[in-house]
Amino acid sequence: MGISRRSECRRSECRRSECRRLECRRSESQMSEGRRSECLNVTKKSTTMDTDDLSREAYNGILREAEQLTHDLTLHYGLLSGICKNETEYLDKAEKLTKEILQAEDWELDDMFWGEPPEKEKLKLTLLKIIDNIKKIKQIPIEQRHYD
């Protein structure tokens, strides 16, 4: 896994998304060589992500789109981030999940939405929009995506 070179992450305690060290708030030029090395090693060891690590494009295109339909759908996409190593893997798994939901039978949708599934047509439109958003996001080079 490569080291993220984002200017900031969404976490208040860190500038790099994968690093949880308070020392990383300093710019690399302000850190001692030993501290910089330690920080980079912690960054390399991180193996999972969460929704805070997603670019604005991915967050808005998937999570916010899902939230417009139902919070229950958003939960599935949010949990998915915890088993991914990076945004590329997340986008691939989110696309796969979306296609699986599109093919799900009524009883599966009932289970997935804890007995209160959304209207099938609205769900289908939302899922198709998410797939379209994922395709658009994948076309944007990672270094051109925006991170908070």
N, C-alpha and C. Protein backbone atom coordinates (compact mmCIF):
# COMPACT_ATOMS: atom_id res chain seq x y z
N MET A 1 0.84 -1.17 0.00
CA MET A 1 0.00 0.00 0.00
C MET A 1 0.88 1.23 0.00
N GLY A 2 0.61 2.16 -0.87
CA GLY A 2 1.42 3.37 -0.97
C GLY A 2 1.10 4.35 0.14
N ILE A 3 1.95 5.31 0.26
CA ILE A 3 1.76 6.35 1.27
C ILE A 3 0.92 7.46 0.67
N SER A 4 -0.07 7.86 1.40
CA SER A 4 -0.96 8.93 0.94
C SER A 4 -0.23 10.25 1.02
N ARG A 5 -0.36 11.08 0.02
CA ARG A 5 0.26 12.40 0.01
C ARG A 5 -0.79 13.49 0.05
N ARG A 6 -1.90 13.22 0.69
CA ARG A 6 -2.96 14.20 0.79
C ARG A 6 -2.50 15.36 1.66
N SER A 7 -2.98 16.53 1.35
CA SER A 7 -2.63 17.69 2.17
C SER A 7 -3.26 17.58 3.55
N GLU A 8 -4.43 17.02 3.63
CA GLU A 8 -5.09 16.82 4.91
C GLU A 8 -5.99 15.60 4.81
N CYS A 9 -6.22 14.97 5.93
CA CYS A 9 -7.23 13.93 5.95
C CYS A 9 -8.44 14.50 6.67
N ARG A 10 -9.46 13.74 6.78
CA ARG A 10 -10.68 14.23 7.43
C ARG A 10 -10.59 14.12 8.94
N ARG A 11 -9.59 13.46 9.44
CA ARG A 11 -9.44 13.32 10.87
C ARG A 11 -8.75 14.56 11.43
N SER A 12 -9.26 15.04 12.52
CA SER A 12 -8.68 16.25 13.10
C SER A 12 -7.30 16.00 13.67
N GLU A 13 -6.99 14.75 14.03
CA GLU A 13 -5.71 14.50 14.68
C GLU A 13 -4.58 14.19 13.70
N CYS A 14 -4.83 14.28 12.42
CA CYS A 14 -3.81 13.85 11.48
C CYS A 14 -3.97 14.50 10.13
N ARG A 15 -2.89 14.60 9.39
CA ARG A 15 -2.94 15.12 8.03
C ARG A 15 -2.97 14.00 7.00
N ARG A 16 -2.51 12.82 7.36
CA ARG A 16 -2.53 11.70 6.43
C ARG A 16 -3.67 10.78 6.82
N SER A 17 -4.39 10.29 5.84
CA SER A 17 -5.58 9.50 6.15
C SER A 17 -5.24 8.21 6.88
N GLU A 18 -4.14 7.57 6.52
CA GLU A 18 -3.84 6.28 7.12
C GLU A 18 -3.16 6.40 8.48
N CYS A 19 -2.60 7.54 8.80
CA CYS A 19 -1.83 7.69 10.02
C CYS A 19 -2.69 8.26 11.13
N ARG A 20 -2.54 7.74 12.31
CA ARG A 20 -3.33 8.20 13.44
C ARG A 20 -2.46 8.99 14.44
N ARG A 21 -1.26 9.33 14.07
CA ARG A 21 -0.33 10.01 14.96
C ARG A 21 -0.55 11.51 14.99
N LEU A 22 -0.61 12.06 16.17
CA LEU A 22 -0.77 13.50 16.32
C LEU A 22 0.41 14.24 15.71
N GLU A 23 1.60 13.65 15.76
CA GLU A 23 2.80 14.30 15.23
C GLU A 23 2.70 14.58 13.74
N CYS A 24 1.84 13.86 13.03
CA CYS A 24 1.74 14.03 11.59
C CYS A 24 1.05 15.33 11.20
N ARG A 25 0.56 16.07 12.17
CA ARG A 25 -0.03 17.36 11.85
C ARG A 25 1.04 18.33 11.39
N ARG A 26 2.25 18.09 11.81
CA ARG A 26 3.34 18.95 11.37
C ARG A 26 3.66 18.61 9.92
N SER A 27 4.14 19.58 9.20
CA SER A 27 4.57 19.29 7.83
C SER A 27 5.83 18.44 7.92
N GLU A 28 6.14 17.73 6.87
CA GLU A 28 7.31 16.86 6.90
C GLU A 28 8.59 17.65 7.14
N SER A 29 8.66 18.88 6.67
CA SER A 29 9.87 19.68 6.87
C SER A 29 10.05 20.07 8.33
N GLN A 30 8.97 20.11 9.12
CA GLN A 30 9.05 20.47 10.53
C GLN A 30 9.40 19.28 11.41
N MET A 31 9.26 18.07 10.91
CA MET A 31 9.53 16.88 11.70
C MET A 31 11.01 16.54 11.67
N SER A 32 11.47 15.97 12.77
CA SER A 32 12.83 15.44 12.77
C SER A 32 12.84 14.22 11.86
N GLU A 33 14.03 13.85 11.40
CA GLU A 33 14.14 12.70 10.48
C GLU A 33 13.58 11.43 11.13
N GLY A 34 13.88 11.21 12.40
CA GLY A 34 13.38 10.02 13.09
C GLY A 34 11.87 10.02 13.20
N ARG A 35 11.29 11.16 13.53
CA ARG A 35 9.83 11.27 13.66
C ARG A 35 9.16 11.07 12.31
N ARG A 36 9.75 11.63 11.25
CA ARG A 36 9.18 11.48 9.90
C ARG A 36 9.19 10.01 9.50
N SER A 37 10.29 9.34 9.78
CA SER A 37 10.40 7.92 9.46
C SER A 37 9.38 7.10 10.24
N GLU A 38 9.24 7.41 11.53
CA GLU A 38 8.26 6.71 12.37
C GLU A 38 6.85 6.93 11.85
N CYS A 39 6.55 8.16 11.48
CA CYS A 39 5.23 8.49 10.96
C CYS A 39 4.95 7.73 9.67
N LEU A 40 5.91 7.68 8.79
CA LEU A 40 5.72 6.99 7.52
C LEU A 40 5.56 5.49 7.74
N ASN A 41 6.26 4.93 8.72
CA ASN A 41 6.11 3.51 9.01
C ASN A 41 4.72 3.20 9.54
N VAL A 42 4.18 4.04 10.39
CA VAL A 42 2.82 3.84 10.88
C VAL A 42 1.85 3.91 9.72
N THR A 43 2.09 4.85 8.82
CA THR A 43 1.22 5.00 7.65
C THR A 43 1.24 3.73 6.80
N LYS A 44 2.39 3.15 6.61
CA LYS A 44 2.51 1.94 5.78
C LYS A 44 1.81 0.75 6.40
N LYS A 45 1.72 0.70 7.74
CA LYS A 45 1.15 -0.46 8.42
C LYS A 45 -0.37 -0.49 8.37
N SER A 46 -0.99 0.62 8.15
CA SER A 46 -2.45 0.68 8.14
C SER A 46 -3.00 -0.18 7.00
N THR A 47 -4.00 -1.00 7.31
CA THR A 47 -4.49 -1.91 6.29
C THR A 47 -5.95 -1.70 5.93
N THR A 48 -6.66 -0.93 6.70
CA THR A 48 -8.07 -0.71 6.38
C THR A 48 -8.37 0.78 6.37
N MET A 49 -9.52 1.09 5.90
CA MET A 49 -9.95 2.48 5.83
C MET A 49 -11.35 2.59 6.40
N ASP A 50 -11.85 3.81 6.46
CA ASP A 50 -13.26 4.01 6.77
C ASP A 50 -13.77 5.14 5.88
N THR A 51 -14.99 5.53 6.06
CA THR A 51 -15.60 6.50 5.15
C THR A 51 -14.89 7.85 5.18
N ASP A 52 -14.21 8.18 6.27
CA ASP A 52 -13.47 9.43 6.35
C ASP A 52 -12.30 9.46 5.37
N ASP A 53 -11.86 8.30 4.93
CA ASP A 53 -10.72 8.21 4.02
C ASP A 53 -11.12 8.35 2.56
N LEU A 54 -12.41 8.39 2.28
CA LEU A 54 -12.87 8.50 0.90
C LEU A 54 -12.72 9.92 0.37
N SER A 55 -12.52 10.02 -0.91
CA SER A 55 -12.50 11.34 -1.54
C SER A 55 -13.92 11.92 -1.48
N ARG A 56 -14.01 13.22 -1.64
CA ARG A 56 -15.34 13.85 -1.66
C ARG A 56 -16.18 13.26 -2.79
N GLU A 57 -15.53 12.99 -3.92
CA GLU A 57 -16.26 12.44 -5.07
C GLU A 57 -16.88 11.09 -4.73
N ALA A 58 -16.10 10.22 -4.08
CA ALA A 58 -16.62 8.90 -3.72
C ALA A 58 -17.67 9.01 -2.62
N TYR A 59 -17.41 9.83 -1.63
CA TYR A 59 -18.35 10.00 -0.53
C TYR A 59 -19.70 10.51 -1.03
N ASN A 60 -19.65 11.56 -1.83
CA ASN A 60 -20.90 12.13 -2.35
C ASN A 60 -21.58 11.21 -3.35
N GLY A 61 -20.81 10.59 -4.21
CA GLY A 61 -21.37 9.75 -5.27
C GLY A 61 -21.99 8.46 -4.78
N ILE A 62 -21.54 7.98 -3.63
CA ILE A 62 -22.05 6.71 -3.13
C ILE A 62 -22.87 6.92 -1.84
N LEU A 63 -22.20 7.39 -0.81
CA LEU A 63 -22.86 7.48 0.50
C LEU A 63 -23.99 8.52 0.53
N ARG A 64 -23.73 9.69 0.00
CA ARG A 64 -24.80 10.70 0.02
C ARG A 64 -25.96 10.30 -0.90
N GLU A 65 -25.62 9.69 -2.01
CA GLU A 65 -26.66 9.22 -2.94
C GLU A 65 -27.53 8.16 -2.25
N ALA A 66 -26.88 7.23 -1.53
CA ALA A 66 -27.62 6.19 -0.81
C ALA A 66 -28.46 6.79 0.31
N GLU A 67 -27.91 7.77 0.99
CA GLU A 67 -28.62 8.41 2.12
C GLU A 67 -29.90 9.10 1.67
N GLN A 68 -29.91 9.59 0.44
CA GLN A 68 -31.12 10.25 -0.07
C GLN A 68 -32.29 9.28 -0.14
N LEU A 69 -31.98 8.00 -0.30
CA LEU A 69 -33.05 7.00 -0.33
C LEU A 69 -33.38 6.52 1.08
N THR A 70 -32.38 6.00 1.77
CA THR A 70 -32.59 5.48 3.12
C THR A 70 -31.25 5.34 3.84
N HIS A 71 -31.27 5.61 5.11
CA HIS A 71 -30.05 5.48 5.91
C HIS A 71 -29.58 4.03 5.96
N ASP A 72 -30.50 3.09 5.89
CA ASP A 72 -30.14 1.68 5.92
C ASP A 72 -29.23 1.30 4.76
N LEU A 73 -29.47 1.86 3.59
CA LEU A 73 -28.61 1.59 2.44
C LEU A 73 -27.22 2.20 2.67
N THR A 74 -27.20 3.38 3.25
CA THR A 74 -25.93 4.05 3.54
C THR A 74 -25.08 3.21 4.49
N LEU A 75 -25.71 2.58 5.46
CA LEU A 75 -24.98 1.74 6.41
C LEU A 75 -24.21 0.62 5.70
N HIS A 76 -24.81 0.01 4.72
CA HIS A 76 -24.14 -1.07 3.99
C HIS A 76 -22.90 -0.57 3.27
N TYR A 77 -23.01 0.59 2.63
CA TYR A 77 -21.85 1.16 1.94
C TYR A 77 -20.80 1.65 2.93
N GLY A 78 -21.23 2.15 4.06
CA GLY A 78 -20.28 2.60 5.07
C GLY A 78 -19.49 1.45 5.67
N LEU A 79 -20.18 0.37 6.00
CA LEU A 79 -19.50 -0.81 6.55
C LEU A 79 -18.52 -1.41 5.56
N LEU A 80 -18.84 -1.30 4.30
CA LEU A 80 -17.98 -1.83 3.25
C LEU A 80 -16.59 -1.21 3.29
N SER A 81 -16.51 0.05 3.65
CA SER A 81 -15.21 0.72 3.67
C SER A 81 -14.25 0.08 4.68
N GLY A 82 -14.78 -0.49 5.75
CA GLY A 82 -13.95 -1.10 6.78
C GLY A 82 -13.22 -2.35 6.35
N ILE A 83 -13.61 -2.93 5.24
CA ILE A 83 -12.92 -4.14 4.76
C ILE A 83 -12.08 -3.84 3.53
N CYS A 84 -11.88 -2.57 3.23
CA CYS A 84 -11.11 -2.17 2.05
C CYS A 84 -9.79 -1.53 2.47
N LYS A 85 -8.79 -1.68 1.63
CA LYS A 85 -7.47 -1.11 1.91
C LYS A 85 -7.31 0.29 1.34
N ASN A 86 -8.06 0.61 0.29
CA ASN A 86 -7.92 1.91 -0.35
C ASN A 86 -9.19 2.23 -1.12
N GLU A 87 -9.24 3.42 -1.68
CA GLU A 87 -10.44 3.85 -2.38
C GLU A 87 -10.71 3.04 -3.64
N THR A 88 -9.68 2.63 -4.32
CA THR A 88 -9.86 1.83 -5.54
C THR A 88 -10.58 0.52 -5.21
N GLU A 89 -10.13 -0.14 -4.16
CA GLU A 89 -10.78 -1.38 -3.73
C GLU A 89 -12.21 -1.10 -3.28
N TYR A 90 -12.40 0.01 -2.57
CA TYR A 90 -13.74 0.37 -2.12
C TYR A 90 -14.69 0.56 -3.30
N LEU A 91 -14.24 1.27 -4.31
CA LEU A 91 -15.09 1.51 -5.48
C LEU A 91 -15.46 0.20 -6.17
N ASP A 92 -14.50 -0.70 -6.28
CA ASP A 92 -14.78 -2.01 -6.91
C ASP A 92 -15.81 -2.80 -6.09
N LYS A 93 -15.62 -2.82 -4.78
CA LYS A 93 -16.55 -3.57 -3.92
C LYS A 93 -17.92 -2.90 -3.85
N ALA A 94 -17.93 -1.58 -3.87
CA ALA A 94 -19.22 -0.86 -3.85
C ALA A 94 -19.99 -1.14 -5.14
N GLU A 95 -19.28 -1.20 -6.25
CA GLU A 95 -19.94 -1.51 -7.52
C GLU A 95 -20.50 -2.94 -7.50
N LYS A 96 -19.72 -3.87 -6.98
CA LYS A 96 -20.17 -5.26 -6.88
C LYS A 96 -21.39 -5.37 -5.96
N LEU A 97 -21.34 -4.70 -4.80
CA LEU A 97 -22.47 -4.71 -3.87
C LEU A 97 -23.71 -4.14 -4.53
N THR A 98 -23.56 -3.05 -5.25
CA THR A 98 -24.69 -2.41 -5.91
C THR A 98 -25.34 -3.34 -6.91
N LYS A 99 -24.53 -4.03 -7.68
CA LYS A 99 -25.06 -4.98 -8.67
C LYS A 99 -25.75 -6.16 -7.99
N GLU A 100 -25.21 -6.59 -6.86
CA GLU A 100 -25.84 -7.68 -6.12
C GLU A 100 -27.21 -7.25 -5.57
N ILE A 101 -27.28 -6.03 -5.08
CA ILE A 101 -28.56 -5.54 -4.56
C ILE A 101 -29.59 -5.44 -5.68
N LEU A 102 -29.13 -5.00 -6.85
CA LEU A 102 -30.05 -4.91 -8.00
C LEU A 102 -30.65 -6.27 -8.35
N GLN A 103 -29.90 -7.33 -8.11
CA GLN A 103 -30.36 -8.68 -8.46
C GLN A 103 -31.02 -9.41 -7.30
N ALA A 104 -31.07 -8.78 -6.15
CA ALA A 104 -31.60 -9.43 -4.95
C ALA A 104 -33.09 -9.69 -5.07
N GLU A 105 -33.50 -10.79 -4.47
CA GLU A 105 -34.92 -11.13 -4.43
C GLU A 105 -35.59 -10.36 -3.29
N ASP A 106 -36.91 -10.34 -3.30
CA ASP A 106 -37.66 -9.58 -2.31
C ASP A 106 -37.30 -9.95 -0.87
N TRP A 107 -37.18 -11.24 -0.58
CA TRP A 107 -36.87 -11.67 0.78
C TRP A 107 -35.47 -11.20 1.19
N GLU A 108 -34.54 -11.15 0.23
CA GLU A 108 -33.19 -10.67 0.52
C GLU A 108 -33.20 -9.17 0.82
N LEU A 109 -33.99 -8.43 0.05
CA LEU A 109 -34.12 -6.99 0.30
C LEU A 109 -34.77 -6.74 1.65
N ASP A 110 -35.75 -7.57 1.99
CA ASP A 110 -36.41 -7.45 3.28
C ASP A 110 -35.40 -7.64 4.42
N ASP A 111 -34.54 -8.63 4.28
CA ASP A 111 -33.49 -8.87 5.29
C ASP A 111 -32.48 -7.72 5.32
N MET A 112 -32.09 -7.28 4.15
CA MET A 112 -31.07 -6.24 4.04
C MET A 112 -31.53 -4.93 4.68
N PHE A 113 -32.80 -4.64 4.56
CA PHE A 113 -33.35 -3.38 5.09
C PHE A 113 -34.15 -3.60 6.37
N TRP A 114 -33.85 -4.66 7.09
CA TRP A 114 -34.43 -4.95 8.39
C TRP A 114 -35.95 -4.86 8.39
N GLY A 115 -36.54 -5.48 7.37
CA GLY A 115 -38.00 -5.57 7.30
C GLY A 115 -38.70 -4.37 6.72
N GLU A 116 -37.95 -3.34 6.35
CA GLU A 116 -38.57 -2.13 5.79
C GLU A 116 -37.84 -1.70 4.51
N PRO A 117 -37.92 -2.51 3.46
CA PRO A 117 -37.21 -2.14 2.23
C PRO A 117 -37.87 -0.93 1.56
N PRO A 118 -37.06 -0.14 0.87
CA PRO A 118 -37.64 1.00 0.14
C PRO A 118 -38.42 0.49 -1.08
N GLU A 119 -39.16 1.39 -1.70
CA GLU A 119 -39.89 1.01 -2.92
C GLU A 119 -38.88 0.51 -3.95
N LYS A 120 -39.24 -0.59 -4.61
CA LYS A 120 -38.30 -1.23 -5.54
C LYS A 120 -37.86 -0.29 -6.67
N GLU A 121 -38.77 0.48 -7.20
CA GLU A 121 -38.40 1.36 -8.32
C GLU A 121 -37.45 2.47 -7.86
N LYS A 122 -37.71 3.03 -6.68
CA LYS A 122 -36.81 4.06 -6.15
C LYS A 122 -35.44 3.47 -5.83
N LEU A 123 -35.43 2.26 -5.29
CA LEU A 123 -34.18 1.59 -5.00
C LEU A 123 -33.39 1.35 -6.28
N LYS A 124 -34.07 0.86 -7.29
CA LYS A 124 -33.41 0.58 -8.56
C LYS A 124 -32.80 1.87 -9.15
N LEU A 125 -33.55 2.95 -9.14
CA LEU A 125 -33.04 4.22 -9.68
C LEU A 125 -31.82 4.71 -8.89
N THR A 126 -31.88 4.58 -7.58
CA THR A 126 -30.75 4.99 -6.74
C THR A 126 -29.52 4.14 -7.03
N LEU A 127 -29.72 2.84 -7.12
CA LEU A 127 -28.59 1.94 -7.38
C LEU A 127 -27.97 2.19 -8.76
N LEU A 128 -28.80 2.43 -9.75
CA LEU A 128 -28.28 2.74 -11.09
C LEU A 128 -27.49 4.05 -11.08
N LYS A 129 -27.97 5.02 -10.30
CA LYS A 129 -27.26 6.29 -10.17
C LYS A 129 -25.92 6.08 -9.49
N ILE A 130 -25.88 5.23 -8.47
CA ILE A 130 -24.62 4.93 -7.77
C ILE A 130 -23.64 4.26 -8.71
N ILE A 131 -24.10 3.32 -9.51
CA ILE A 131 -23.20 2.67 -10.49
C ILE A 131 -22.66 3.70 -11.47
N ASP A 132 -23.51 4.58 -11.93
CA ASP A 132 -23.07 5.64 -12.85
C ASP A 132 -22.04 6.54 -12.16
N ASN A 133 -22.29 6.89 -10.91
CA ASN A 133 -21.35 7.72 -10.17
C ASN A 133 -20.00 7.03 -10.00
N ILE A 134 -20.03 5.75 -9.69
CA ILE A 134 -18.78 4.98 -9.52
C ILE A 134 -17.97 5.00 -10.81
N LYS A 135 -18.63 4.80 -11.93
CA LYS A 135 -17.92 4.83 -13.22
C LYS A 135 -17.28 6.19 -13.46
N LYS A 136 -17.99 7.25 -13.11
CA LYS A 136 -17.44 8.61 -13.28
C LYS A 136 -16.26 8.85 -12.33
N ILE A 137 -16.37 8.38 -11.10
CA ILE A 137 -15.30 8.54 -10.12
C ILE A 137 -14.04 7.80 -10.58
N LYS A 138 -14.21 6.59 -11.08
CA LYS A 138 -13.07 5.80 -11.54
C LYS A 138 -12.31 6.49 -12.68
N GLN A 139 -12.99 7.34 -13.42
CA GLN A 139 -12.34 8.05 -14.52
C GLN A 139 -11.47 9.20 -14.02
N ILE A 140 -11.69 9.64 -12.79
CA ILE A 140 -10.90 10.74 -12.23
C ILE A 140 -9.62 10.14 -11.62
N PRO A 141 -8.46 10.57 -12.05
CA PRO A 141 -7.22 10.07 -11.43
C PRO A 141 -7.22 10.37 -9.93
N ILE A 142 -6.70 9.46 -9.13
CA ILE A 142 -6.73 9.59 -7.68
C ILE A 142 -6.13 10.92 -7.24
N GLU A 143 -5.04 11.32 -7.86
CA GLU A 143 -4.39 12.57 -7.45
C GLU A 143 -5.22 13.82 -7.77
N GLN A 144 -6.26 13.68 -8.59
CA GLN A 144 -7.12 14.80 -8.91
C GLN A 144 -8.43 14.79 -8.11
N ARG A 145 -8.61 13.78 -7.28
CA ARG A 145 -9.79 13.74 -6.41
C ARG A 145 -9.53 14.64 -5.20
N HIS A 146 -10.59 15.04 -4.57
CA HIS A 146 -10.50 15.99 -3.46
C HIS A 146 -10.72 15.29 -2.12
N TYR A 147 -9.86 15.61 -1.18
CA TYR A 147 -9.93 15.03 0.16
C TYR A 147 -10.00 16.13 1.20
N ASP A 148 -10.82 15.92 2.20
CA ASP A 148 -10.92 16.90 3.29
C ASP A 148 -9.94 16.56 4.38
